[in-house]
Amino acid sequence: MTKALALVSGGLDSILAARLIQMQGIEVIGICFTSAFFGSKNAEKMAAQIEMPLIVVDFTEEHLKMTKDPKHGYGKNMNPCIDCHAMMLNYAGKMLEELNADFLITGEVLNQRPMSQNKKSLDIVRKESGFEDKILRPLCALNLPPTKMEMDGLVDRTKLLGISGKSRKQQIELAKQWGIKDYPSPAGGCMLTEPQFAKRLRDLYSHGKEKVEPIDIKLLRIGRHMRISPDARLICTRNESEYGPLMELVKDEYLIFDTADCSGSTAVLIPSEAGVFSREDIMFAASVAARYSKEKEKDSVRVKFKKKNDKEYEYIWVKPVGDEDIRKVLL
């Protein structure tokens, strides 16, 4: 029996592509990738709707390395889609023999995205994957030259589609016909496409990207972020629920700030060089903690700070920082 591996992002297009091939009587196994920037939750939900088995592949380390210097650059934000798609197809291609599968499926649609899904980009992805003769794009196949799978009779080309452009009307209608529901917005699962996250990541990479680890990426998702000097940035919790997740990710060399005499936000000072803090950065971090406390209207607030494993706090009195000064450094 013919078998295909479908790259499943968790979005609608990839699951429609997989379902279209299933309807030709071909066995389809889903392949979902996880990294520091996206998970498998949506893919698992979508695969279940078409009763497709799903294999989750964690390629965090290699993917993170690629995002720091993508060969084909970034999209609108910090999304290196061309390099990312090629990497995923390379991984999946290496699984073909192991799973006794014949070819690969993607949900790409011609001209849906200006950078990564024009004909030139699709061709680059196909060639750089290392498995260019094994890739089928069922949703836009009729707009592209026939693949080896179609010419060899593994797939009936007349039952493939010719979708093109940004409109999603045809995909939404297909989802309705095939009973596929509760699908996320396009690219909704990838943090790299989100403007605020991309701004924070760009700042992080610009101050020593070679040192960035997966744990540093997780930190970007929590709280308010501020670049307070070339040598330091600050993370400040927005609510009580962020405190626990933030503390789990704090490294031993970071400084943790809290107001000493009232409740308020927790601020974490992160140096560009481990263990090196200027007095100015410490004072500013303390003044931010004071600003997001119940004593923010006072002229002077007592703030305590220490490293994670220190037994004793240091104390200082500071004036809460003004909102205008916060806006200047907010990421």
Protein backbone atom coordinates (compact mmCIF):
# COMPACT_ATOMS: atom_id res chain seq x y z
CA MET A 1 0.00 0.00 0.00
CA THR A 2 1.25 3.49 -0.85
CA LYS A 3 2.22 5.50 2.23
CA ALA A 4 2.96 9.20 2.72
CA LEU A 5 4.38 11.32 5.53
CA ALA A 6 2.55 14.62 6.01
CA LEU A 7 4.24 17.59 7.64
CA VAL A 8 1.59 18.90 10.04
CA SER A 9 2.00 22.37 11.53
CA GLY A 10 -1.25 22.44 13.46
CA GLY A 11 -2.87 24.80 10.97
CA LEU A 12 -5.68 24.14 8.51
CA ASP A 13 -3.72 23.85 5.24
CA SER A 14 -1.46 21.01 6.31
CA ILE A 15 -4.36 18.92 7.62
CA LEU A 16 -6.37 19.52 4.43
CA ALA A 17 -3.39 18.37 2.36
CA ALA A 18 -3.12 15.19 4.42
CA ARG A 19 -6.87 14.54 4.17
CA LEU A 20 -6.83 15.06 0.39
CA ILE A 21 -4.23 12.29 0.04
CA GLN A 22 -6.06 10.04 2.51
CA MET A 23 -9.10 10.28 0.23
CA GLN A 24 -7.09 8.61 -2.54
CA GLY A 25 -6.77 5.51 -0.36
CA ILE A 26 -3.20 6.31 0.61
CA GLU A 27 -2.02 5.73 4.18
CA VAL A 28 -0.85 8.99 5.74
CA ILE A 29 1.25 9.45 8.87
CA GLY A 30 1.61 12.95 10.29
CA ILE A 31 4.97 14.40 11.29
CA CYS A 32 4.93 17.37 13.67
CA PHE A 33 8.00 19.31 14.80
CA THR A 34 8.54 21.05 18.13
CA SER A 35 11.18 23.62 19.01
CA ALA A 36 11.75 26.55 21.34
CA PHE A 37 9.29 28.53 19.19
CA PHE A 38 6.36 26.17 18.63
CA GLY A 39 4.82 23.04 20.10
CA SER A 40 2.63 20.11 19.04
CA LYS A 41 -0.67 20.83 20.80
CA ASN A 42 -2.53 22.17 17.74
CA ALA A 43 -1.12 19.47 15.47
CA GLU A 44 -2.31 16.75 17.85
CA LYS A 45 -5.84 18.19 17.85
CA MET A 46 -5.95 18.55 14.08
CA ALA A 47 -4.55 15.08 13.35
CA ALA A 48 -7.19 13.53 15.60
CA GLN A 49 -9.95 15.10 13.50
CA ILE A 50 -8.93 13.08 10.44
CA GLU A 51 -7.87 10.01 12.45
CA MET A 52 -4.26 10.31 11.34
CA PRO A 53 -1.44 8.94 13.49
CA LEU A 54 1.07 11.61 14.46
CA ILE A 55 4.79 11.44 15.24
CA VAL A 56 6.26 14.37 17.18
CA VAL A 57 9.89 15.27 16.45
CA ASP A 58 11.81 17.63 18.77
CA PHE A 59 14.54 19.45 16.84
CA THR A 60 14.98 22.33 19.28
CA GLU A 61 18.78 22.60 19.26
CA GLU A 62 19.26 22.50 15.50
CA HIS A 63 16.29 24.76 14.83
CA LEU A 64 17.45 27.36 17.37
CA LYS A 65 20.89 27.43 15.77
CA MET A 66 19.34 27.99 12.34
CA THR A 67 17.18 30.93 13.51
CA LYS A 68 20.29 32.84 14.58
CA ASP A 69 21.65 33.05 11.04
CA PRO A 70 19.16 31.74 8.43
CA LYS A 71 20.62 31.38 4.95
CA HIS A 72 17.53 32.89 3.31
CA GLY A 73 16.78 35.54 5.91
CA TYR A 74 13.63 36.37 7.84
CA GLY A 75 10.06 37.11 6.87
CA LYS A 76 8.02 40.02 8.18
CA ASN A 77 9.13 39.37 11.76
CA MET A 78 11.80 36.86 12.85
CA ASN A 79 10.41 33.89 10.92
CA PRO A 80 13.00 32.15 8.69
CA CYS A 81 10.28 30.20 6.86
CA ILE A 82 12.30 29.06 3.83
CA ASP A 83 15.10 27.61 5.94
CA CYS A 84 12.59 26.18 8.43
CA HIS A 85 10.54 24.36 5.79
CA ALA A 86 13.65 22.93 4.16
CA MET A 87 14.92 21.70 7.54
CA MET A 88 11.62 20.02 8.36
CA LEU A 89 11.48 18.30 4.98
CA ASN A 90 15.04 17.09 5.41
CA TYR A 91 14.18 15.57 8.79
CA ALA A 92 11.00 13.98 7.44
CA GLY A 93 12.77 12.75 4.32
CA LYS A 94 15.24 10.82 6.45
CA MET A 95 12.25 9.07 8.06
CA LEU A 96 10.83 7.75 4.77
CA GLU A 97 12.88 4.56 4.75
CA GLU A 98 12.41 3.94 8.47
CA LEU A 99 8.61 4.18 8.14
CA ASN A 100 8.51 2.45 4.77
CA ALA A 101 6.84 5.51 3.23
CA ASP A 102 6.94 6.62 -0.40
CA PHE A 103 6.78 10.42 -0.35
CA LEU A 104 6.26 13.62 1.66
CA ILE A 105 3.26 15.98 1.82
CA THR A 106 3.18 19.65 2.80
CA GLY A 107 0.27 22.07 3.10
CA GLU A 108 2.00 24.91 1.26
CA VAL A 109 -0.17 27.03 -1.04
CA LEU A 110 1.35 28.91 -3.97
CA ASN A 111 1.51 32.69 -3.40
CA GLN A 112 -0.19 32.51 0.00
CA ARG A 113 2.83 34.16 1.60
CA PRO A 114 4.99 36.60 -0.37
CA MET A 115 8.37 35.45 0.92
CA SER A 116 8.12 31.73 1.53
CA GLN A 117 5.43 30.45 -0.82
CA ASN A 118 6.13 31.94 -4.21
CA LYS A 119 7.38 29.60 -6.96
CA LYS A 120 11.02 30.53 -6.44
CA SER A 121 10.86 29.89 -2.69
CA LEU A 122 8.97 26.62 -3.06
CA ASP A 123 11.65 25.46 -5.48
CA ILE A 124 14.44 26.47 -3.09
CA VAL A 125 12.79 24.56 -0.25
CA ARG A 126 12.33 21.51 -2.46
CA LYS A 127 15.97 21.44 -3.60
CA GLU A 128 17.56 22.26 -0.23
CA SER A 129 15.53 19.62 1.56
CA GLY A 130 17.65 16.93 -0.04
CA PHE A 131 14.49 15.04 -1.09
CA GLU A 132 13.28 17.12 -4.03
CA ASP A 133 11.77 14.15 -5.91
CA LYS A 134 9.75 13.07 -2.89
CA ILE A 135 7.78 16.26 -2.13
CA LEU A 136 4.11 16.72 -3.05
CA ARG A 137 2.08 19.87 -2.35
CA PRO A 138 -1.49 18.62 -2.84
CA LEU A 139 -3.32 21.93 -2.32
CA CYS A 140 -1.50 23.75 -5.12
CA ALA A 141 -0.19 20.82 -7.18
CA LEU A 142 -2.10 21.81 -10.35
CA ASN A 143 -0.18 25.10 -10.39
CA LEU A 144 3.15 23.27 -10.34
CA PRO A 145 4.85 20.75 -12.66
CA PRO A 146 3.79 17.10 -12.11
CA THR A 147 5.87 15.30 -9.48
CA LYS A 148 7.46 11.88 -9.81
CA MET A 149 4.72 10.46 -7.57
CA GLU A 150 2.05 11.66 -9.98
CA MET A 151 3.91 10.48 -13.09
CA ASP A 152 4.54 7.06 -11.53
CA GLY A 153 0.85 6.65 -10.69
CA LEU A 154 1.21 6.68 -6.90
CA VAL A 155 -1.04 9.76 -6.79
CA ASP A 156 -3.93 10.72 -9.10
CA ARG A 157 -3.12 14.25 -10.25
CA THR A 158 -6.72 14.85 -11.37
CA LYS A 159 -7.81 14.65 -7.71
CA LEU A 160 -5.32 17.27 -6.52
CA LEU A 161 -6.03 21.01 -6.25
CA GLY A 162 -4.80 24.27 -7.75
CA ILE A 163 -5.30 26.73 -4.89
CA SER A 164 -3.32 29.95 -5.16
CA GLY A 165 -3.18 33.27 -3.33
CA LYS A 166 -4.02 34.62 0.13
CA SER A 167 -7.75 33.95 0.12
CA ARG A 168 -8.72 31.06 2.37
CA LYS A 169 -12.30 30.68 1.13
CA GLN A 170 -11.61 27.39 -0.62
CA GLN A 171 -9.80 25.92 2.38
CA ILE A 172 -12.59 26.97 4.73
CA GLU A 173 -15.18 25.40 2.44
CA LEU A 174 -13.19 22.15 2.27
CA ALA A 175 -12.91 22.09 6.06
CA LYS A 176 -16.68 22.43 6.30
CA GLN A 177 -17.26 19.63 3.78
CA TRP A 178 -14.83 17.28 5.53
CA GLY A 179 -15.96 18.04 9.09
CA ILE A 180 -12.73 19.69 10.18
CA LYS A 181 -13.41 22.20 12.96
CA ASP A 182 -11.69 24.34 15.61
CA TYR A 183 -8.63 25.12 13.51
CA PRO A 184 -6.27 27.96 14.53
CA SER A 185 -5.50 31.12 12.59
CA PRO A 186 -2.71 30.94 9.98
CA ALA A 187 0.78 30.75 11.56
CA GLY A 188 -0.90 31.08 14.95
CA GLY A 189 1.34 28.47 16.57
CA CYS A 190 4.74 29.96 15.70
CA MET A 191 6.11 32.59 18.07
CA LEU A 192 8.53 33.81 15.41
CA THR A 193 5.66 35.35 13.44
CA GLU A 194 4.38 37.40 16.39
CA PRO A 195 5.56 41.06 16.26
CA GLN A 196 6.16 41.61 19.99
CA PHE A 197 7.96 38.30 20.46
CA ALA A 198 10.04 39.01 17.34
CA LYS A 199 11.06 42.41 18.76
CA ARG A 200 12.25 40.76 21.97
CA LEU A 201 14.10 38.02 20.09
CA ARG A 202 15.78 40.53 17.80
CA ASP A 203 17.04 42.40 20.84
CA LEU A 204 18.24 39.19 22.48
CA TYR A 205 20.15 38.09 19.37
CA SER A 206 21.70 41.54 18.94
CA HIS A 207 23.37 41.25 22.35
CA GLY A 208 25.16 37.91 21.93
CA LYS A 209 23.10 35.43 19.94
CA GLU A 210 25.82 32.78 20.14
CA LYS A 211 25.09 32.41 23.88
CA VAL A 212 21.30 32.08 23.57
CA GLU A 213 19.85 28.78 24.82
CA PRO A 214 16.31 27.35 24.71
CA ILE A 215 15.71 28.55 28.29
CA ASP A 216 16.36 32.12 27.14
CA ILE A 217 13.65 31.76 24.49
CA LYS A 218 11.16 30.59 27.11
CA LEU A 219 11.86 33.72 29.14
CA LEU A 220 10.78 35.91 26.22
CA ARG A 221 7.20 34.70 26.66
CA ILE A 222 6.85 35.94 30.25
CA GLY A 223 6.16 39.42 31.59
CA ARG A 224 7.22 42.89 30.45
CA HIS A 225 10.67 43.09 28.86
CA MET A 226 12.94 46.14 28.89
CA ARG A 227 16.37 46.82 27.42
CA ILE A 228 17.59 49.16 30.17
CA SER A 229 21.21 49.45 28.97
CA PRO A 230 23.55 47.85 26.42
CA ASP A 231 24.65 45.50 29.21
CA ALA A 232 21.35 44.54 30.81
CA ARG A 233 17.69 43.79 30.23
CA LEU A 234 14.86 43.49 32.71
CA ILE A 235 11.85 41.19 32.97
CA CYS A 236 8.96 42.31 35.15
CA THR A 237 5.94 40.16 36.00
CA ARG A 238 2.53 41.49 34.97
CA ASN A 239 0.51 39.38 37.42
CA GLU A 240 0.87 36.82 40.18
CA SER A 241 0.47 33.85 37.82
CA GLU A 242 3.72 34.76 36.02
CA TYR A 243 5.86 34.57 39.17
CA GLY A 244 6.20 30.77 39.32
CA PRO A 245 7.06 30.25 35.63
CA LEU A 246 9.57 33.12 35.80
CA MET A 247 11.34 31.75 38.88
CA GLU A 248 11.68 28.34 37.23
CA LEU A 249 13.70 29.93 34.43
CA VAL A 250 15.85 32.33 36.46
CA LYS A 251 19.56 31.49 36.28
CA ASP A 252 21.84 31.68 39.31
CA GLU A 253 23.60 34.85 38.11
CA TYR A 254 20.43 36.95 37.67
CA LEU A 255 19.30 39.51 40.25
CA ILE A 256 15.73 39.30 41.60
CA PHE A 257 13.98 42.48 42.86
CA ASP A 258 10.88 42.81 45.05
CA THR A 259 9.44 45.64 47.12
CA ALA A 260 10.26 45.08 50.78
CA ASP A 261 7.21 46.55 52.53
CA CYS A 262 4.28 45.95 50.18
CA SER A 263 3.11 43.62 47.44
CA GLY A 264 4.04 44.25 43.83
CA SER A 265 5.69 42.96 40.71
CA THR A 266 8.89 40.90 40.69
CA ALA A 267 11.67 42.18 38.43
CA VAL A 268 14.60 40.11 37.19
CA LEU A 269 17.79 41.80 35.99
CA ILE A 270 19.69 39.86 33.32
CA PRO A 271 23.26 40.94 32.47
CA SER A 272 24.81 40.52 29.03
CA GLU A 273 27.93 39.25 30.78
CA ALA A 274 27.31 36.80 33.62
CA GLY A 275 27.56 38.33 37.07
CA VAL A 276 28.36 41.88 35.95
CA PHE A 277 25.88 44.57 37.09
CA SER A 278 26.34 48.32 37.00
CA ARG A 279 25.01 50.41 39.86
CA GLU A 280 22.85 52.32 37.38
CA ASP A 281 21.20 49.12 36.14
CA ILE A 282 20.52 47.97 39.70
CA MET A 283 18.94 51.31 40.62
CA PHE A 284 16.76 51.34 37.51
CA ALA A 285 15.61 47.73 38.06
CA ALA A 286 14.68 48.59 41.65
CA SER A 287 12.76 51.67 40.53
CA VAL A 288 10.77 49.53 38.06
CA ALA A 289 9.85 47.08 40.83
CA ALA A 290 8.73 50.09 42.87
CA ARG A 291 6.66 51.46 39.98
CA TYR A 292 4.66 48.22 39.73
CA SER A 293 3.91 48.03 43.45
CA LYS A 294 1.21 49.33 45.78
CA GLU A 295 3.58 52.11 46.85
CA LYS A 296 4.08 53.49 43.34
CA GLU A 297 2.73 56.92 44.33
CA LYS A 298 5.36 57.42 47.06
CA ASP A 299 8.54 59.42 46.55
CA SER A 300 10.69 56.66 48.04
CA VAL A 301 10.14 52.90 48.17
CA ARG A 302 12.29 50.25 49.83
CA VAL A 303 13.29 47.45 47.46
CA LYS A 304 15.13 44.24 48.25
CA PHE A 305 17.23 42.21 45.81
CA LYS A 306 19.46 39.16 45.67
CA LYS A 307 20.59 36.34 43.42
CA LYS A 308 18.50 33.20 43.39
CA ASN A 309 20.66 31.21 45.80
CA ASP A 310 21.79 34.05 48.05
CA LYS A 311 20.63 33.77 51.65
CA GLU A 312 20.54 37.50 52.41
CA TYR A 313 18.87 40.40 50.62
CA GLU A 314 20.36 43.81 49.94
CA TYR A 315 18.06 46.80 50.45
CA ILE A 316 17.87 50.17 48.72
CA TRP A 317 15.47 53.12 48.66
CA VAL A 318 14.41 54.34 45.23
CA LYS A 319 11.90 56.62 43.57
CA PRO A 320 9.45 54.71 41.32
CA VAL A 321 10.36 55.21 37.68
CA GLY A 322 8.04 57.30 35.50
CA ASP A 323 5.92 55.77 32.75
CA GLU A 324 7.69 57.81 30.08
CA ASP A 325 11.05 56.32 31.07
CA ILE A 326 9.54 52.83 30.94
CA ARG A 327 8.15 53.43 27.45
CA LYS A 328 11.64 54.32 26.24
CA VAL A 329 13.05 50.91 27.18
CA LEU A 330 10.04 48.63 26.74
CA LEU A 331 10.39 45.79 24.23
